[in-house]
Amino acid sequence: MPNLVLEYSNSAEERINVQGLLEDLHQVALNSGLFETSSVKSRTLRCHHWLVGDVADSEDFIHVQFELLEGRTPAQKRELSQQLMDVLVSQASHIYSLTVDVRDMDKDYFMKVING
């Protein structure tokens, strides 16, 4: 069920291969062994308006939000976070701000329907 969302400033798209980065981050999730392959979903969100500290929108950012159902150990989540960051650094070290946030979702409130 994990959802990987790659958020980025629109001008970063001129400096990185967004689709390639998304595919490599998605592969990290698939290779982690923590999830069923068919349950991993990844997507991008291009931000047209952003502010970073006191440099406003003059610097680019990339943020990876990774939400998963609770039940993984802190060590597993830390390792996943580090592997995602490793991919970011290898492909986007020239981007001003790179961040990763791995979060648990509450199983009691998550709902899913698959049609077809």
C-alpha atoms as a PDB file:
ATOM      1  CA  MET A   1       0.000   0.000   0.000  1.00  0.00           C
ATOM      2  CA  PRO A   2       2.843   2.433   0.187  1.00  0.00           C
ATOM      3  CA  ASN A   3       2.511   5.758  -1.592  1.00  0.00           C
ATOM      4  CA  LEU A   4       5.624   7.562  -2.750  1.00  0.00           C
ATOM      5  CA  VAL A   5       5.085  11.189  -3.730  1.00  0.00           C
ATOM      6  CA  LEU A   6       7.958  13.077  -5.332  1.00  0.00           C
ATOM      7  CA  GLU A   7       7.321  16.805  -4.916  1.00  0.00           C
ATOM      8  CA  TYR A   8       9.590  19.226  -6.731  1.00  0.00           C
ATOM      9  CA  SER A   9       9.873  22.867  -7.716  1.00  0.00           C
ATOM     10  CA  ASN A  10       8.947  23.323 -11.348  1.00  0.00           C
ATOM     11  CA  SER A  11      12.326  24.776 -12.308  1.00  0.00           C
ATOM     12  CA  ALA A  12      14.043  21.640 -10.964  1.00  0.00           C
ATOM     13  CA  GLU A  13      12.526  19.807 -13.912  1.00  0.00           C
ATOM     14  CA  GLU A  14      14.984  21.639 -16.179  1.00  0.00           C
ATOM     15  CA  ARG A  15      17.890  20.278 -14.133  1.00  0.00           C
ATOM     16  CA  ILE A  16      16.913  16.667 -13.447  1.00  0.00           C
ATOM     17  CA  ASN A  17      15.216  13.772 -15.212  1.00  0.00           C
ATOM     18  CA  VAL A  18      12.038  13.648 -13.113  1.00  0.00           C
ATOM     19  CA  GLN A  19      10.649  10.470 -14.706  1.00  0.00           C
ATOM     20  CA  GLY A  20      13.970   8.664 -14.297  1.00  0.00           C
ATOM     21  CA  LEU A  21      14.252   9.795 -10.694  1.00  0.00           C
ATOM     22  CA  LEU A  22      10.702   8.632  -9.963  1.00  0.00           C
ATOM     23  CA  GLU A  23      11.417   5.237 -11.518  1.00  0.00           C
ATOM     24  CA  ASP A  24      14.586   4.799  -9.450  1.00  0.00           C
ATOM     25  CA  LEU A  25      12.837   5.802  -6.213  1.00  0.00           C
ATOM     26  CA  HIS A  26       9.983   3.412  -7.057  1.00  0.00           C
ATOM     27  CA  GLN A  27      12.545   0.645  -7.588  1.00  0.00           C
ATOM     28  CA  VAL A  28      13.968   1.278  -4.099  1.00  0.00           C
ATOM     29  CA  ALA A  29      10.520   0.568  -2.649  1.00  0.00           C
ATOM     30  CA  LEU A  30      10.129  -2.561  -4.785  1.00  0.00           C
ATOM     31  CA  ASN A  31      13.582  -3.855  -3.833  1.00  0.00           C
ATOM     32  CA  SER A  32      13.138  -3.165  -0.116  1.00  0.00           C
ATOM     33  CA  GLY A  33      11.255  -6.419   0.456  1.00  0.00           C
ATOM     34  CA  LEU A  34       8.864  -4.559   2.750  1.00  0.00           C
ATOM     35  CA  PHE A  35       5.876  -4.452   0.389  1.00  0.00           C
ATOM     36  CA  GLU A  36       3.959  -6.472  -2.153  1.00  0.00           C
ATOM     37  CA  THR A  37       5.113  -5.288  -5.566  1.00  0.00           C
ATOM     38  CA  SER A  38       1.581  -4.634  -6.793  1.00  0.00           C
ATOM     39  CA  SER A  39       0.822  -2.370  -3.827  1.00  0.00           C
ATOM     40  CA  VAL A  40       3.584   0.202  -4.395  1.00  0.00           C
ATOM     41  CA  LYS A  41       2.337   3.442  -5.987  1.00  0.00           C
ATOM     42  CA  SER A  42       4.579   6.338  -6.977  1.00  0.00           C
ATOM     43  CA  ARG A  43       3.775   9.706  -8.499  1.00  0.00           C
ATOM     44  CA  THR A  44       5.067  13.231  -8.869  1.00  0.00           C
ATOM     45  CA  LEU A  45       3.685  16.596  -7.862  1.00  0.00           C
ATOM     46  CA  ARG A  46       5.185  19.576  -9.643  1.00  0.00           C
ATOM     47  CA  CYS A  47       4.991  22.733  -7.524  1.00  0.00           C
ATOM     48  CA  HIS A  48       4.551  25.998  -9.376  1.00  0.00           C
ATOM     49  CA  HIS A  49       4.747  28.185  -6.284  1.00  0.00           C
ATOM     50  CA  TRP A  50       7.104  27.601  -3.364  1.00  0.00           C
ATOM     51  CA  LEU A  51       9.222  29.373  -0.779  1.00  0.00           C
ATOM     52  CA  VAL A  52      12.442  28.108   0.801  1.00  0.00           C
ATOM     53  CA  GLY A  53      13.723  29.947   3.863  1.00  0.00           C
ATOM     54  CA  ASP A  54      14.757  33.476   3.026  1.00  0.00           C
ATOM     55  CA  VAL A  55      15.741  32.646  -0.572  1.00  0.00           C
ATOM     56  CA  ALA A  56      12.054  32.441  -1.593  1.00  0.00           C
ATOM     57  CA  ASP A  57      11.661  30.670  -4.936  1.00  0.00           C
ATOM     58  CA  SER A  58      15.197  31.314  -6.169  1.00  0.00           C
ATOM     59  CA  GLU A  59      16.328  27.839  -5.046  1.00  0.00           C
ATOM     60  CA  ASP A  60      14.901  24.474  -6.064  1.00  0.00           C
ATOM     61  CA  PHE A  61      13.764  21.645  -3.832  1.00  0.00           C
ATOM     62  CA  ILE A  62      12.840  17.986  -4.027  1.00  0.00           C
ATOM     63  CA  HIS A  63      10.851  16.331  -1.265  1.00  0.00           C
ATOM     64  CA  VAL A  64       9.945  12.644  -1.113  1.00  0.00           C
ATOM     65  CA  GLN A  65       6.933  11.798   1.021  1.00  0.00           C
ATOM     66  CA  PHE A  66       6.652   8.041   1.602  1.00  0.00           C
ATOM     67  CA  GLU A  67       3.548   6.849   3.435  1.00  0.00           C
ATOM     68  CA  LEU A  68       3.175   3.237   4.497  1.00  0.00           C
ATOM     69  CA  LEU A  69       0.886   1.269   6.729  1.00  0.00           C
ATOM     70  CA  GLU A  70       2.201   0.974  10.258  1.00  0.00           C
ATOM     71  CA  GLY A  71       3.988  -2.207  11.208  1.00  0.00           C
ATOM     72  CA  ARG A  72       7.572  -1.746   9.973  1.00  0.00           C
ATOM     73  CA  THR A  73      10.341  -1.407  12.504  1.00  0.00           C
ATOM     74  CA  PRO A  74      12.164   1.881  13.050  1.00  0.00           C
ATOM     75  CA  ALA A  75      15.288   0.270  11.564  1.00  0.00           C
ATOM     76  CA  GLN A  76      13.398  -0.763   8.414  1.00  0.00           C
ATOM     77  CA  LYS A  77      11.992   2.746   7.978  1.00  0.00           C
ATOM     78  CA  ARG A  78      15.381   4.337   8.614  1.00  0.00           C
ATOM     79  CA  GLU A  79      16.988   2.075   5.992  1.00  0.00           C
ATOM     80  CA  LEU A  80      14.243   2.840   3.470  1.00  0.00           C
ATOM     81  CA  SER A  81      14.653   6.574   4.135  1.00  0.00           C
ATOM     82  CA  GLN A  82      18.419   6.339   3.660  1.00  0.00           C
ATOM     83  CA  GLN A  83      18.088   4.391   0.402  1.00  0.00           C
ATOM     84  CA  LEU A  84      15.639   6.959  -0.968  1.00  0.00           C
ATOM     85  CA  MET A  85      17.999   9.782   0.025  1.00  0.00           C
ATOM     86  CA  ASP A  86      20.920   7.973  -1.599  1.00  0.00           C
ATOM     87  CA  VAL A  87      19.029   7.992  -4.906  1.00  0.00           C
ATOM     88  CA  LEU A  88      18.203  11.694  -4.509  1.00  0.00           C
ATOM     89  CA  VAL A  89      21.804  12.596  -3.774  1.00  0.00           C
ATOM     90  CA  SER A  90      23.137  10.505  -6.670  1.00  0.00           C
ATOM     91  CA  GLN A  91      20.825  12.175  -9.194  1.00  0.00           C
ATOM     92  CA  ALA A  92      20.069  15.609  -7.774  1.00  0.00           C
ATOM     93  CA  SER A  93      22.950  16.731  -5.565  1.00  0.00           C
ATOM     94  CA  HIS A  94      22.924  20.069  -7.418  1.00  0.00           C
ATOM     95  CA  ILE A  95      19.401  20.800  -6.122  1.00  0.00           C
ATOM     96  CA  TYR A  96      19.427  23.157  -3.108  1.00  0.00           C
ATOM     97  CA  SER A  97      17.122  21.197  -0.772  1.00  0.00           C
ATOM     98  CA  LEU A  98      16.621  17.414  -0.759  1.00  0.00           C
ATOM     99  CA  THR A  99      14.359  15.873   1.877  1.00  0.00           C
ATOM    100  CA  VAL A 100      12.759  12.484   2.590  1.00  0.00           C
ATOM    101  CA  ASP A 101       9.935  11.807   5.031  1.00  0.00           C
ATOM    102  CA  VAL A 102       8.804   8.236   5.746  1.00  0.00           C
ATOM    103  CA  ARG A 103       5.529   8.148   7.691  1.00  0.00           C
ATOM    104  CA  ASP A 104       3.204   5.529   9.109  1.00  0.00           C
ATOM    105  CA  MET A 105      -0.477   5.626   8.259  1.00  0.00           C
ATOM    106  CA  ASP A 106      -3.011   4.386  10.768  1.00  0.00           C
ATOM    107  CA  LYS A 107      -4.486   1.035   9.641  1.00  0.00           C
ATOM    108  CA  ASP A 108      -7.751   1.856  11.400  1.00  0.00           C
ATOM    109  CA  TYR A 109      -8.459   4.752   9.049  1.00  0.00           C
ATOM    110  CA  PHE A 110      -6.881   3.698   5.771  1.00  0.00           C
ATOM    111  CA  MET A 111      -9.339   2.350   3.185  1.00  0.00           C
ATOM    112  CA  LYS A 112      -8.676   0.773  -0.183  1.00  0.00           C
ATOM    113  CA  VAL A 113     -10.857  -0.449  -3.055  1.00  0.00           C
ATOM    114  CA  ILE A 114      -9.512  -2.206  -6.135  1.00  0.00           C
ATOM    115  CA  ASN A 115     -11.932  -2.436  -9.053  1.00  0.00           C
ATOM    116  CA  GLY A 116     -11.450  -4.844 -11.879  1.00  0.00           C
END
